[in-house]
N, C-alpha and C. Protein backbone atom coordinates (compact mmCIF):
# COMPACT_ATOMS: atom_id res chain seq x y z
N MET A 1 -9.72 -25.26 -9.93
CA MET A 1 -8.69 -25.03 -8.92
C MET A 1 -8.98 -23.73 -8.16
N ALA A 2 -8.94 -23.80 -6.85
CA ALA A 2 -9.21 -22.62 -6.04
C ALA A 2 -8.12 -21.57 -6.25
N ARG A 3 -8.53 -20.32 -6.22
CA ARG A 3 -7.56 -19.24 -6.41
C ARG A 3 -6.61 -19.20 -5.21
N GLU A 4 -5.34 -19.05 -5.50
CA GLU A 4 -4.32 -19.03 -4.45
C GLU A 4 -4.30 -17.68 -3.75
N SER A 5 -4.33 -17.71 -2.43
CA SER A 5 -4.27 -16.46 -1.67
C SER A 5 -2.85 -15.90 -1.72
N GLN A 6 -2.72 -14.62 -1.44
CA GLN A 6 -1.40 -14.00 -1.42
C GLN A 6 -0.51 -14.63 -0.35
N ALA A 7 -1.11 -14.97 0.78
CA ALA A 7 -0.34 -15.59 1.87
C ALA A 7 0.23 -16.94 1.43
N LYS A 8 -0.57 -17.73 0.73
CA LYS A 8 -0.09 -19.03 0.25
C LYS A 8 0.94 -18.86 -0.85
N ARG A 9 0.75 -17.84 -1.68
CA ARG A 9 1.72 -17.58 -2.74
C ARG A 9 3.07 -17.16 -2.16
N ILE A 10 3.04 -16.36 -1.12
CA ILE A 10 4.27 -15.94 -0.44
C ILE A 10 4.97 -17.16 0.15
N LYS A 11 4.20 -18.05 0.75
CA LYS A 11 4.77 -19.26 1.34
C LYS A 11 5.37 -20.15 0.27
N ARG A 12 4.68 -20.27 -0.86
CA ARG A 12 5.19 -21.09 -1.98
C ARG A 12 6.44 -20.46 -2.58
N THR A 13 6.44 -19.13 -2.66
CA THR A 13 7.61 -18.42 -3.19
C THR A 13 8.84 -18.68 -2.31
N ALA A 14 8.63 -18.70 -1.01
CA ALA A 14 9.73 -18.96 -0.08
C ALA A 14 10.28 -20.38 -0.29
N ALA A 15 9.39 -21.32 -0.57
CA ALA A 15 9.81 -22.70 -0.82
C ALA A 15 10.60 -22.79 -2.12
N VAL A 16 10.15 -22.04 -3.14
CA VAL A 16 10.86 -21.99 -4.42
C VAL A 16 12.27 -21.43 -4.21
N TYR A 17 12.34 -20.34 -3.46
CA TYR A 17 13.63 -19.70 -3.19
C TYR A 17 14.58 -20.67 -2.48
N ALA A 18 14.08 -21.35 -1.46
CA ALA A 18 14.91 -22.27 -0.68
C ALA A 18 15.42 -23.42 -1.55
N ALA A 19 14.55 -23.95 -2.38
CA ALA A 19 14.93 -25.07 -3.24
C ALA A 19 15.97 -24.65 -4.28
N LEU A 20 15.78 -23.47 -4.85
CA LEU A 20 16.73 -22.98 -5.85
C LEU A 20 18.07 -22.62 -5.20
N LYS A 21 18.02 -22.11 -3.97
CA LYS A 21 19.27 -21.77 -3.26
C LYS A 21 20.08 -23.03 -3.01
N LYS A 22 19.39 -24.13 -2.75
CA LYS A 22 20.06 -25.41 -2.54
C LYS A 22 20.62 -25.94 -3.85
N GLN A 23 19.88 -25.74 -4.93
CA GLN A 23 20.29 -26.23 -6.25
C GLN A 23 21.44 -25.40 -6.83
N PHE A 24 21.38 -24.08 -6.61
CA PHE A 24 22.40 -23.18 -7.18
C PHE A 24 23.01 -22.31 -6.07
N PRO A 25 23.79 -22.88 -5.18
CA PRO A 25 24.33 -22.12 -4.04
C PRO A 25 25.28 -20.99 -4.44
N ASP A 26 25.84 -21.07 -5.63
CA ASP A 26 26.81 -20.05 -6.06
C ASP A 26 26.24 -19.10 -7.11
N ALA A 27 24.93 -19.04 -7.24
CA ALA A 27 24.31 -18.17 -8.25
C ALA A 27 24.69 -16.71 -8.02
N LYS A 28 25.12 -16.06 -9.07
CA LYS A 28 25.51 -14.65 -9.00
C LYS A 28 25.42 -14.04 -10.40
N CYS A 29 25.72 -12.77 -10.50
CA CYS A 29 25.71 -12.09 -11.79
C CYS A 29 26.70 -12.77 -12.73
N SER A 30 26.26 -13.08 -13.94
CA SER A 30 27.10 -13.81 -14.88
C SER A 30 28.01 -12.90 -15.71
N LEU A 31 27.83 -11.60 -15.60
CA LEU A 31 28.67 -10.66 -16.34
C LEU A 31 30.00 -10.47 -15.63
N ASP A 32 31.06 -10.39 -16.40
CA ASP A 32 32.40 -10.16 -15.84
C ASP A 32 32.65 -8.66 -15.71
N TYR A 33 33.02 -8.22 -14.53
CA TYR A 33 33.29 -6.80 -14.31
C TYR A 33 34.16 -6.65 -13.06
N GLN A 34 34.85 -5.51 -12.97
CA GLN A 34 35.70 -5.24 -11.81
C GLN A 34 35.30 -3.97 -11.08
N ASN A 35 34.40 -3.19 -11.66
CA ASN A 35 33.96 -1.96 -11.02
C ASN A 35 32.59 -1.56 -11.57
N PRO A 36 31.93 -0.59 -10.94
CA PRO A 36 30.59 -0.17 -11.39
C PRO A 36 30.54 0.27 -12.85
N LEU A 37 31.57 0.94 -13.33
CA LEU A 37 31.59 1.41 -14.72
C LEU A 37 31.56 0.22 -15.68
N GLN A 38 32.38 -0.77 -15.41
CA GLN A 38 32.41 -1.95 -16.27
C GLN A 38 31.07 -2.68 -16.24
N LEU A 39 30.44 -2.73 -15.07
CA LEU A 39 29.15 -3.39 -14.99
C LEU A 39 28.09 -2.62 -15.76
N LEU A 40 28.14 -1.30 -15.68
CA LEU A 40 27.21 -0.46 -16.44
C LEU A 40 27.33 -0.75 -17.93
N VAL A 41 28.55 -0.75 -18.44
CA VAL A 41 28.79 -1.00 -19.85
C VAL A 41 28.33 -2.41 -20.23
N ALA A 42 28.71 -3.39 -19.43
CA ALA A 42 28.36 -4.79 -19.73
C ALA A 42 26.85 -5.00 -19.72
N THR A 43 26.17 -4.35 -18.79
CA THR A 43 24.72 -4.53 -18.69
C THR A 43 24.00 -3.90 -19.87
N ILE A 44 24.46 -2.74 -20.32
CA ILE A 44 23.88 -2.12 -21.51
C ILE A 44 24.11 -3.03 -22.72
N LEU A 45 25.29 -3.61 -22.82
CA LEU A 45 25.60 -4.51 -23.93
C LEU A 45 24.78 -5.79 -23.89
N SER A 46 24.32 -6.18 -22.70
CA SER A 46 23.62 -7.46 -22.55
C SER A 46 22.19 -7.45 -23.07
N ALA A 47 21.67 -6.27 -23.42
CA ALA A 47 20.31 -6.21 -23.97
C ALA A 47 20.23 -7.00 -25.27
N GLN A 48 19.31 -7.95 -25.34
CA GLN A 48 19.13 -8.80 -26.53
C GLN A 48 20.42 -9.52 -26.91
N CYS A 49 21.21 -9.87 -25.91
CA CYS A 49 22.47 -10.57 -26.15
C CYS A 49 22.77 -11.45 -24.94
N THR A 50 23.47 -12.56 -25.15
CA THR A 50 23.79 -13.45 -24.04
C THR A 50 24.95 -12.89 -23.22
N ASP A 51 24.97 -13.24 -21.94
CA ASP A 51 26.07 -12.82 -21.08
C ASP A 51 27.39 -13.42 -21.55
N VAL A 52 27.33 -14.62 -22.10
CA VAL A 52 28.54 -15.27 -22.61
C VAL A 52 29.17 -14.43 -23.71
N ARG A 53 28.36 -13.97 -24.65
CA ARG A 53 28.87 -13.14 -25.75
C ARG A 53 29.40 -11.82 -25.22
N VAL A 54 28.67 -11.21 -24.28
CA VAL A 54 29.11 -9.93 -23.72
C VAL A 54 30.47 -10.09 -23.04
N ASN A 55 30.65 -11.16 -22.31
CA ASN A 55 31.93 -11.38 -21.61
C ASN A 55 33.08 -11.56 -22.59
N ILE A 56 32.79 -12.15 -23.73
CA ILE A 56 33.83 -12.30 -24.76
C ILE A 56 34.23 -10.93 -25.29
N VAL A 57 33.23 -10.09 -25.53
CA VAL A 57 33.48 -8.76 -26.07
C VAL A 57 34.18 -7.86 -25.06
N THR A 58 33.72 -7.88 -23.82
CA THR A 58 34.29 -6.96 -22.82
C THR A 58 35.69 -7.36 -22.38
N LYS A 59 36.08 -8.58 -22.63
CA LYS A 59 37.44 -9.00 -22.26
C LYS A 59 38.47 -8.10 -22.92
N ASP A 60 38.24 -7.78 -24.19
CA ASP A 60 39.14 -6.88 -24.92
C ASP A 60 38.72 -5.42 -24.75
N LEU A 61 37.41 -5.20 -24.67
CA LEU A 61 36.90 -3.83 -24.57
C LEU A 61 37.43 -3.12 -23.33
N PHE A 62 37.47 -3.84 -22.21
CA PHE A 62 37.89 -3.21 -20.95
C PHE A 62 39.41 -3.03 -20.88
N LYS A 63 40.12 -3.66 -21.78
CA LYS A 63 41.57 -3.40 -21.87
C LYS A 63 41.82 -2.13 -22.68
N LYS A 64 40.93 -1.88 -23.63
CA LYS A 64 41.06 -0.72 -24.51
C LYS A 64 40.51 0.55 -23.87
N TYR A 65 39.38 0.42 -23.20
CA TYR A 65 38.74 1.55 -22.54
C TYR A 65 38.75 1.29 -21.03
N LYS A 66 39.59 1.99 -20.31
CA LYS A 66 39.81 1.70 -18.89
C LYS A 66 39.14 2.68 -17.93
N THR A 67 38.86 3.88 -18.40
CA THR A 67 38.27 4.90 -17.52
C THR A 67 37.00 5.46 -18.15
N VAL A 68 36.22 6.17 -17.35
CA VAL A 68 35.00 6.78 -17.87
C VAL A 68 35.34 7.79 -18.96
N ARG A 69 36.47 8.44 -18.83
CA ARG A 69 36.89 9.39 -19.85
C ARG A 69 37.21 8.69 -21.17
N ASP A 70 37.78 7.49 -21.08
CA ASP A 70 38.07 6.72 -22.30
C ASP A 70 36.78 6.42 -23.06
N PHE A 71 35.74 6.00 -22.33
CA PHE A 71 34.46 5.71 -22.98
C PHE A 71 33.82 6.99 -23.51
N ALA A 72 33.89 8.07 -22.72
CA ALA A 72 33.26 9.33 -23.13
C ALA A 72 33.88 9.91 -24.39
N ARG A 73 35.16 9.67 -24.58
CA ARG A 73 35.87 10.23 -25.73
C ARG A 73 36.01 9.25 -26.88
N ALA A 74 35.36 8.10 -26.77
CA ALA A 74 35.47 7.08 -27.82
C ALA A 74 34.83 7.55 -29.12
N SER A 75 35.39 7.10 -30.21
CA SER A 75 34.82 7.36 -31.53
C SER A 75 33.59 6.48 -31.70
N GLN A 76 32.47 7.07 -32.08
CA GLN A 76 31.24 6.30 -32.27
C GLN A 76 31.46 5.17 -33.27
N GLU A 77 32.07 5.47 -34.38
CA GLU A 77 32.28 4.47 -35.43
C GLU A 77 33.19 3.34 -34.95
N THR A 78 34.27 3.70 -34.28
CA THR A 78 35.20 2.68 -33.78
C THR A 78 34.55 1.83 -32.70
N PHE A 79 33.83 2.49 -31.80
CA PHE A 79 33.19 1.77 -30.70
C PHE A 79 32.13 0.81 -31.23
N GLU A 80 31.43 1.21 -32.26
CA GLU A 80 30.44 0.32 -32.87
C GLU A 80 31.08 -0.98 -33.32
N GLN A 81 32.24 -0.88 -33.91
CA GLN A 81 32.94 -2.08 -34.38
C GLN A 81 33.45 -2.91 -33.20
N ASP A 82 33.83 -2.24 -32.13
CA ASP A 82 34.33 -2.94 -30.95
C ASP A 82 33.25 -3.82 -30.31
N ILE A 83 31.99 -3.39 -30.43
CA ILE A 83 30.90 -4.11 -29.77
C ILE A 83 29.91 -4.74 -30.75
N ARG A 84 30.26 -4.74 -32.00
CA ARG A 84 29.33 -5.14 -33.08
C ARG A 84 28.64 -6.48 -32.84
N SER A 85 29.37 -7.45 -32.33
CA SER A 85 28.81 -8.81 -32.19
C SER A 85 27.75 -8.93 -31.10
N THR A 86 27.55 -7.87 -30.30
CA THR A 86 26.51 -7.92 -29.26
C THR A 86 25.14 -7.55 -29.81
N GLY A 87 25.09 -7.09 -31.05
CA GLY A 87 23.82 -6.70 -31.65
C GLY A 87 23.39 -5.30 -31.24
N PHE A 88 22.54 -4.69 -32.09
CA PHE A 88 22.05 -3.33 -31.81
C PHE A 88 23.20 -2.41 -31.43
N TYR A 89 24.31 -2.61 -32.10
CA TYR A 89 25.56 -1.96 -31.69
C TYR A 89 25.56 -0.45 -31.86
N ARG A 90 24.78 0.07 -32.82
CA ARG A 90 24.76 1.53 -33.01
C ARG A 90 24.14 2.22 -31.80
N ASN A 91 22.97 1.74 -31.39
CA ASN A 91 22.31 2.34 -30.24
C ASN A 91 23.11 2.13 -28.95
N LYS A 92 23.66 0.93 -28.81
CA LYS A 92 24.44 0.63 -27.61
C LYS A 92 25.68 1.52 -27.52
N ALA A 93 26.35 1.70 -28.65
CA ALA A 93 27.55 2.55 -28.67
C ALA A 93 27.17 3.98 -28.32
N ARG A 94 26.10 4.46 -28.92
CA ARG A 94 25.65 5.84 -28.67
C ARG A 94 25.31 6.03 -27.20
N ASN A 95 24.59 5.08 -26.63
CA ASN A 95 24.17 5.20 -25.23
C ASN A 95 25.34 5.12 -24.26
N ILE A 96 26.26 4.20 -24.51
CA ILE A 96 27.41 4.04 -23.61
C ILE A 96 28.30 5.28 -23.63
N ILE A 97 28.57 5.79 -24.81
CA ILE A 97 29.41 6.99 -24.93
C ILE A 97 28.72 8.19 -24.27
N ALA A 98 27.42 8.34 -24.51
CA ALA A 98 26.68 9.46 -23.93
C ALA A 98 26.59 9.33 -22.40
N ALA A 99 26.34 8.12 -21.91
CA ALA A 99 26.27 7.91 -20.46
C ALA A 99 27.61 8.21 -19.81
N ALA A 100 28.69 7.77 -20.46
CA ALA A 100 30.03 8.02 -19.92
C ALA A 100 30.34 9.52 -19.89
N ALA A 101 29.88 10.23 -20.90
CA ALA A 101 30.12 11.68 -20.95
C ALA A 101 29.40 12.37 -19.79
N ILE A 102 28.17 11.95 -19.51
CA ILE A 102 27.41 12.53 -18.39
C ILE A 102 28.10 12.23 -17.06
N ILE A 103 28.50 10.98 -16.89
CA ILE A 103 29.18 10.57 -15.65
C ILE A 103 30.50 11.34 -15.48
N ASN A 104 31.22 11.50 -16.58
CA ASN A 104 32.51 12.19 -16.54
C ASN A 104 32.33 13.65 -16.13
N ASN A 105 31.21 14.25 -16.54
CA ASN A 105 30.94 15.65 -16.20
C ASN A 105 30.52 15.83 -14.74
N PHE A 106 30.17 14.73 -14.10
CA PHE A 106 29.73 14.81 -12.71
C PHE A 106 30.65 14.05 -11.76
N GLY A 107 31.94 14.17 -12.03
CA GLY A 107 32.93 13.62 -11.11
C GLY A 107 33.50 12.26 -11.46
N GLY A 108 32.93 11.60 -12.47
CA GLY A 108 33.52 10.36 -12.93
C GLY A 108 33.04 9.09 -12.26
N GLY A 109 32.16 9.21 -11.25
CA GLY A 109 31.67 8.02 -10.56
C GLY A 109 30.29 7.61 -11.03
N VAL A 110 30.08 6.32 -11.24
CA VAL A 110 28.77 5.82 -11.63
C VAL A 110 27.79 6.10 -10.49
N PRO A 111 26.62 6.67 -10.77
CA PRO A 111 25.64 6.98 -9.72
C PRO A 111 25.20 5.72 -8.96
N ASP A 112 24.85 5.91 -7.70
CA ASP A 112 24.41 4.77 -6.90
C ASP A 112 22.99 4.94 -6.39
N THR A 113 22.19 5.73 -7.12
CA THR A 113 20.78 5.87 -6.79
C THR A 113 19.94 5.55 -8.03
N MET A 114 18.73 5.08 -7.82
CA MET A 114 17.85 4.70 -8.93
C MET A 114 17.57 5.88 -9.85
N ASP A 115 17.18 7.01 -9.29
CA ASP A 115 16.82 8.17 -10.10
C ASP A 115 17.98 8.64 -10.98
N GLU A 116 19.17 8.68 -10.41
CA GLU A 116 20.33 9.14 -11.18
C GLU A 116 20.68 8.15 -12.28
N LEU A 117 20.61 6.86 -11.98
CA LEU A 117 20.92 5.86 -12.99
C LEU A 117 19.91 5.90 -14.14
N LEU A 118 18.64 6.09 -13.80
CA LEU A 118 17.59 6.13 -14.83
C LEU A 118 17.72 7.36 -15.73
N SER A 119 18.48 8.36 -15.29
CA SER A 119 18.67 9.56 -16.11
C SER A 119 19.73 9.34 -17.19
N LEU A 120 20.45 8.22 -17.12
CA LEU A 120 21.50 7.94 -18.09
C LEU A 120 20.93 7.28 -19.35
N PRO A 121 21.46 7.62 -20.51
CA PRO A 121 21.00 7.00 -21.77
C PRO A 121 21.21 5.48 -21.73
N GLY A 122 20.22 4.74 -22.18
CA GLY A 122 20.36 3.28 -22.26
C GLY A 122 20.11 2.55 -20.96
N VAL A 123 19.73 3.29 -19.91
CA VAL A 123 19.52 2.66 -18.59
C VAL A 123 18.04 2.69 -18.22
N ALA A 124 17.43 1.51 -18.14
CA ALA A 124 16.07 1.36 -17.64
C ALA A 124 16.15 0.67 -16.29
N ARG A 125 15.02 0.31 -15.71
CA ARG A 125 15.01 -0.24 -14.35
C ARG A 125 15.83 -1.54 -14.24
N LYS A 126 15.78 -2.38 -15.26
CA LYS A 126 16.53 -3.63 -15.18
C LYS A 126 18.02 -3.35 -15.01
N THR A 127 18.56 -2.50 -15.87
CA THR A 127 19.99 -2.16 -15.81
C THR A 127 20.32 -1.49 -14.48
N ALA A 128 19.47 -0.56 -14.07
CA ALA A 128 19.71 0.14 -12.80
C ALA A 128 19.72 -0.83 -11.62
N ASN A 129 18.78 -1.76 -11.60
CA ASN A 129 18.72 -2.74 -10.52
C ASN A 129 19.95 -3.65 -10.50
N VAL A 130 20.42 -4.03 -11.69
CA VAL A 130 21.62 -4.86 -11.79
C VAL A 130 22.80 -4.14 -11.17
N ILE A 131 22.97 -2.87 -11.51
CA ILE A 131 24.09 -2.08 -11.01
C ILE A 131 23.99 -1.83 -9.51
N LEU A 132 22.81 -1.43 -9.06
CA LEU A 132 22.62 -1.13 -7.65
C LEU A 132 22.87 -2.34 -6.76
N SER A 133 22.33 -3.49 -7.16
CA SER A 133 22.45 -4.68 -6.31
C SER A 133 23.83 -5.31 -6.38
N ASN A 134 24.41 -5.36 -7.57
CA ASN A 134 25.69 -6.06 -7.71
C ASN A 134 26.91 -5.19 -7.46
N ALA A 135 26.86 -3.94 -7.87
CA ALA A 135 28.02 -3.06 -7.70
C ALA A 135 28.00 -2.31 -6.38
N PHE A 136 26.78 -2.04 -5.86
CA PHE A 136 26.69 -1.23 -4.65
C PHE A 136 26.01 -1.94 -3.48
N GLY A 137 25.55 -3.16 -3.69
CA GLY A 137 24.91 -3.91 -2.61
C GLY A 137 23.60 -3.32 -2.14
N LYS A 138 22.90 -2.63 -3.04
CA LYS A 138 21.62 -2.00 -2.69
C LYS A 138 20.46 -2.74 -3.35
N ASN A 139 19.56 -3.26 -2.54
CA ASN A 139 18.37 -3.93 -3.07
C ASN A 139 17.23 -2.93 -3.20
N GLU A 140 17.23 -2.21 -4.31
CA GLU A 140 16.19 -1.22 -4.54
C GLU A 140 15.03 -1.81 -5.33
N GLY A 141 15.27 -2.91 -6.03
CA GLY A 141 14.23 -3.52 -6.84
C GLY A 141 14.61 -4.94 -7.22
N PHE A 142 13.80 -5.54 -8.09
CA PHE A 142 13.98 -6.92 -8.50
C PHE A 142 14.31 -6.93 -9.99
N VAL A 143 15.45 -7.49 -10.36
CA VAL A 143 15.85 -7.51 -11.76
C VAL A 143 14.92 -8.43 -12.56
N VAL A 144 14.29 -7.88 -13.59
CA VAL A 144 13.39 -8.67 -14.43
C VAL A 144 13.98 -8.76 -15.83
N ASP A 145 14.60 -9.90 -16.13
CA ASP A 145 15.12 -10.13 -17.47
C ASP A 145 14.21 -11.16 -18.15
N THR A 146 14.64 -11.67 -19.28
CA THR A 146 13.80 -12.60 -20.03
C THR A 146 13.51 -13.88 -19.24
N HIS A 147 14.49 -14.34 -18.43
CA HIS A 147 14.28 -15.56 -17.64
C HIS A 147 13.28 -15.32 -16.52
N VAL A 148 13.45 -14.22 -15.80
CA VAL A 148 12.54 -13.90 -14.69
C VAL A 148 11.13 -13.68 -15.21
N LYS A 149 11.01 -13.03 -16.35
CA LYS A 149 9.70 -12.80 -16.95
C LYS A 149 9.02 -14.13 -17.26
N ARG A 150 9.76 -15.05 -17.86
CA ARG A 150 9.21 -16.36 -18.23
C ARG A 150 8.86 -17.19 -17.00
N LEU A 151 9.78 -17.25 -16.04
CA LEU A 151 9.57 -18.10 -14.87
C LEU A 151 8.51 -17.55 -13.92
N SER A 152 8.41 -16.24 -13.80
CA SER A 152 7.39 -15.69 -12.91
C SER A 152 6.00 -16.05 -13.42
N ALA A 153 5.86 -16.15 -14.74
CA ALA A 153 4.57 -16.54 -15.32
C ALA A 153 4.33 -18.04 -15.13
N ARG A 154 5.31 -18.86 -15.46
CA ARG A 154 5.14 -20.30 -15.34
C ARG A 154 4.92 -20.74 -13.89
N LEU A 155 5.57 -20.06 -12.97
CA LEU A 155 5.43 -20.40 -11.55
C LEU A 155 4.17 -19.80 -10.94
N GLY A 156 3.45 -19.00 -11.72
CA GLY A 156 2.24 -18.40 -11.19
C GLY A 156 2.51 -17.33 -10.15
N LEU A 157 3.65 -16.68 -10.26
CA LEU A 157 4.02 -15.63 -9.30
C LEU A 157 3.59 -14.25 -9.80
N SER A 158 3.37 -14.14 -11.10
CA SER A 158 2.90 -12.90 -11.68
C SER A 158 2.15 -13.20 -12.97
N SER A 159 1.04 -12.51 -13.17
CA SER A 159 0.26 -12.67 -14.40
C SER A 159 0.49 -11.48 -15.34
N GLN A 160 1.45 -10.64 -14.97
CA GLN A 160 1.73 -9.43 -15.73
C GLN A 160 2.72 -9.70 -16.86
N SER A 161 2.68 -8.85 -17.88
CA SER A 161 3.64 -8.93 -18.98
C SER A 161 4.60 -7.74 -18.96
N ASN A 162 4.18 -6.67 -18.29
CA ASN A 162 5.03 -5.49 -18.17
C ASN A 162 6.10 -5.75 -17.12
N PRO A 163 7.38 -5.58 -17.48
CA PRO A 163 8.48 -5.85 -16.54
C PRO A 163 8.38 -5.09 -15.22
N VAL A 164 7.91 -3.84 -15.27
CA VAL A 164 7.79 -3.05 -14.05
C VAL A 164 6.74 -3.65 -13.12
N LYS A 165 5.64 -4.14 -13.70
CA LYS A 165 4.59 -4.75 -12.89
C LYS A 165 5.01 -6.12 -12.37
N ILE A 166 5.78 -6.86 -13.18
CA ILE A 166 6.32 -8.14 -12.72
C ILE A 166 7.26 -7.90 -11.55
N GLU A 167 8.08 -6.86 -11.67
CA GLU A 167 9.00 -6.51 -10.60
C GLU A 167 8.25 -6.23 -9.31
N GLN A 168 7.18 -5.48 -9.41
CA GLN A 168 6.39 -5.14 -8.23
C GLN A 168 5.82 -6.40 -7.58
N ASP A 169 5.31 -7.32 -8.40
CA ASP A 169 4.78 -8.58 -7.88
C ASP A 169 5.85 -9.38 -7.14
N MET A 170 7.04 -9.47 -7.75
CA MET A 170 8.12 -10.25 -7.15
C MET A 170 8.61 -9.61 -5.85
N MET A 171 8.60 -8.29 -5.80
CA MET A 171 9.02 -7.59 -4.58
C MET A 171 8.04 -7.83 -3.44
N GLU A 172 6.77 -8.00 -3.79
CA GLU A 172 5.76 -8.23 -2.75
C GLU A 172 5.79 -9.67 -2.23
N LEU A 173 6.39 -10.57 -3.01
CA LEU A 173 6.38 -11.99 -2.64
C LEU A 173 7.63 -12.43 -1.89
N SER A 174 8.66 -11.60 -1.87
CA SER A 174 9.92 -12.02 -1.25
C SER A 174 10.54 -10.89 -0.44
N PRO A 175 11.31 -11.22 0.59
CA PRO A 175 11.95 -10.20 1.43
C PRO A 175 12.97 -9.39 0.63
N ARG A 176 13.10 -8.12 0.96
CA ARG A 176 14.03 -7.24 0.25
C ARG A 176 15.45 -7.80 0.20
N GLU A 177 15.90 -8.40 1.30
CA GLU A 177 17.28 -8.89 1.34
C GLU A 177 17.51 -10.08 0.41
N GLU A 178 16.44 -10.65 -0.13
CA GLU A 178 16.56 -11.80 -1.03
C GLU A 178 16.40 -11.42 -2.51
N TRP A 179 16.00 -10.18 -2.78
CA TRP A 179 15.67 -9.81 -4.16
C TRP A 179 16.80 -10.08 -5.15
N ALA A 180 18.00 -9.64 -4.84
CA ALA A 180 19.12 -9.80 -5.77
C ALA A 180 19.44 -11.27 -5.99
N THR A 181 19.56 -12.02 -4.90
CA THR A 181 19.89 -13.44 -5.00
C THR A 181 18.78 -14.21 -5.70
N PHE A 182 17.53 -13.89 -5.40
CA PHE A 182 16.40 -14.58 -6.01
C PHE A 182 16.44 -14.39 -7.52
N GLY A 183 16.74 -13.17 -7.96
CA GLY A 183 16.83 -12.90 -9.38
C GLY A 183 17.89 -13.78 -10.05
N HIS A 184 19.06 -13.87 -9.42
CA HIS A 184 20.14 -14.71 -9.96
C HIS A 184 19.70 -16.18 -10.01
N LEU A 185 19.03 -16.62 -8.96
CA LEU A 185 18.58 -18.02 -8.90
C LEU A 185 17.61 -18.35 -10.03
N LEU A 186 16.69 -17.43 -10.31
CA LEU A 186 15.74 -17.65 -11.38
C LEU A 186 16.43 -17.68 -12.74
N VAL A 187 17.43 -16.84 -12.92
CA VAL A 187 18.20 -16.84 -14.17
C VAL A 187 18.93 -18.18 -14.35
N PHE A 188 19.59 -18.63 -13.31
CA PHE A 188 20.31 -19.91 -13.38
C PHE A 188 19.34 -21.06 -13.65
N HIS A 189 18.18 -21.02 -13.00
CA HIS A 189 17.19 -22.08 -13.19
C HIS A 189 16.62 -22.03 -14.62
N GLY A 190 16.41 -20.82 -15.11
CA GLY A 190 15.89 -20.66 -16.46
C GLY A 190 16.85 -21.19 -17.51
N ARG A 191 18.12 -21.06 -17.26
CA ARG A 191 19.12 -21.56 -18.21
C ARG A 191 19.29 -23.08 -18.11
N ALA A 192 19.23 -23.59 -16.89
CA ALA A 192 19.52 -25.01 -16.66
C ALA A 192 18.31 -25.93 -16.85
N PHE A 193 17.14 -25.49 -16.41
CA PHE A 193 15.96 -26.36 -16.43
C PHE A 193 14.77 -25.77 -17.19
N CYS A 194 14.35 -24.57 -16.79
CA CYS A 194 13.12 -24.00 -17.33
C CYS A 194 13.40 -23.14 -18.56
N THR A 195 13.91 -23.79 -19.60
CA THR A 195 14.25 -23.09 -20.83
C THR A 195 12.99 -22.66 -21.57
N ALA A 196 13.16 -21.75 -22.51
CA ALA A 196 12.00 -21.19 -23.20
C ALA A 196 11.24 -22.23 -24.01
N ARG A 197 11.95 -23.04 -24.77
CA ARG A 197 11.28 -23.95 -25.70
C ARG A 197 10.97 -25.33 -25.14
N LYS A 198 11.87 -25.86 -24.33
CA LYS A 198 11.67 -27.22 -23.84
C LYS A 198 12.12 -27.35 -22.40
N PRO A 199 11.28 -26.95 -21.46
CA PRO A 199 11.66 -27.04 -20.04
C PRO A 199 11.79 -28.49 -19.58
N ASP A 200 12.76 -28.72 -18.71
CA ASP A 200 13.00 -30.07 -18.19
C ASP A 200 12.17 -30.26 -16.92
N CYS A 201 10.87 -30.41 -17.07
CA CYS A 201 9.99 -30.57 -15.91
C CYS A 201 10.29 -31.83 -15.10
N PRO A 202 10.61 -32.97 -15.74
CA PRO A 202 10.92 -34.18 -14.97
C PRO A 202 12.13 -34.02 -14.05
N GLY A 203 13.12 -33.20 -14.47
CA GLY A 203 14.32 -33.02 -13.67
C GLY A 203 14.31 -31.77 -12.82
N CYS A 204 13.21 -31.02 -12.88
CA CYS A 204 13.13 -29.71 -12.22
C CYS A 204 13.10 -29.84 -10.69
N PRO A 205 13.96 -29.11 -10.00
CA PRO A 205 14.02 -29.18 -8.54
C PRO A 205 12.89 -28.43 -7.83
N ILE A 206 12.10 -27.67 -8.60
CA ILE A 206 10.98 -26.95 -7.98
C ILE A 206 9.65 -27.32 -8.62
N ALA A 207 9.59 -28.46 -9.30
CA ALA A 207 8.38 -28.89 -9.99
C ALA A 207 7.18 -28.98 -9.05
N GLU A 208 7.42 -29.40 -7.82
CA GLU A 208 6.32 -29.58 -6.86
C GLU A 208 5.66 -28.25 -6.48
N TYR A 209 6.35 -27.14 -6.74
CA TYR A 209 5.80 -25.83 -6.41
C TYR A 209 5.31 -25.09 -7.64
N CYS A 210 5.40 -25.74 -8.81
CA CYS A 210 5.10 -25.07 -10.08
C CYS A 210 3.78 -25.54 -10.70
N PRO A 211 2.82 -24.65 -10.88
CA PRO A 211 1.54 -25.03 -11.47
C PRO A 211 1.64 -25.39 -12.94
N SER A 212 2.77 -25.06 -13.57
CA SER A 212 2.93 -25.36 -15.00
C SER A 212 3.70 -26.64 -15.25
N ALA A 213 4.20 -27.26 -14.22
CA ALA A 213 5.02 -28.47 -14.37
C ALA A 213 4.31 -29.55 -15.18
N GLY A 214 4.96 -30.02 -16.23
CA GLY A 214 4.41 -31.07 -17.06
C GLY A 214 3.31 -30.63 -18.01
N LYS A 215 3.04 -29.33 -18.08
CA LYS A 215 1.94 -28.84 -18.92
C LYS A 215 2.43 -28.02 -20.11
N ILE A 216 3.73 -27.84 -20.22
CA ILE A 216 4.26 -27.00 -21.31
C ILE A 216 4.78 -27.87 -22.44
């Protein structure tokens, strides 16, 4: 098979985006939140945990802790129990409390720049991109979660395994204004069709654009 040029890959990526947009017109962030602080907390909790489980936990969590000061002053031991079912609860509790304390010391508002967000405990590029795009409407990067990592490889959009390098590849293949939506579309597709263990290639709406279709 001839190697695909970048121009052809960009064209194929656009076709993938269009097909997924038609399939999932309402694709959006699956985490429940009402403000940037809640999204920050929910996104940190979502590491190695499903959004469904996080939403169950935050339903009560956000009633108990309503302000950045509430999170900053939370008892580590108590908070661990509040979020225990999300897994890795000790580190998550430590990071959320510490991040809230930093935010509280700087006026109480969640930062809206990449550099400032990355300075917070528990925040890497994925979390920062989720917050920037969904809470502030800023497309600074491409969210790379487990679904995007898997699909970018299967679709032949990136041969990288490092999330930062995958992000760079995806940013080069799609317009900036589509980055946030494209990420959501890939997540929805990964859950509905292109699952990790048994992808539904026969029913896949983008099979014609996928070099892995029928081969997994």
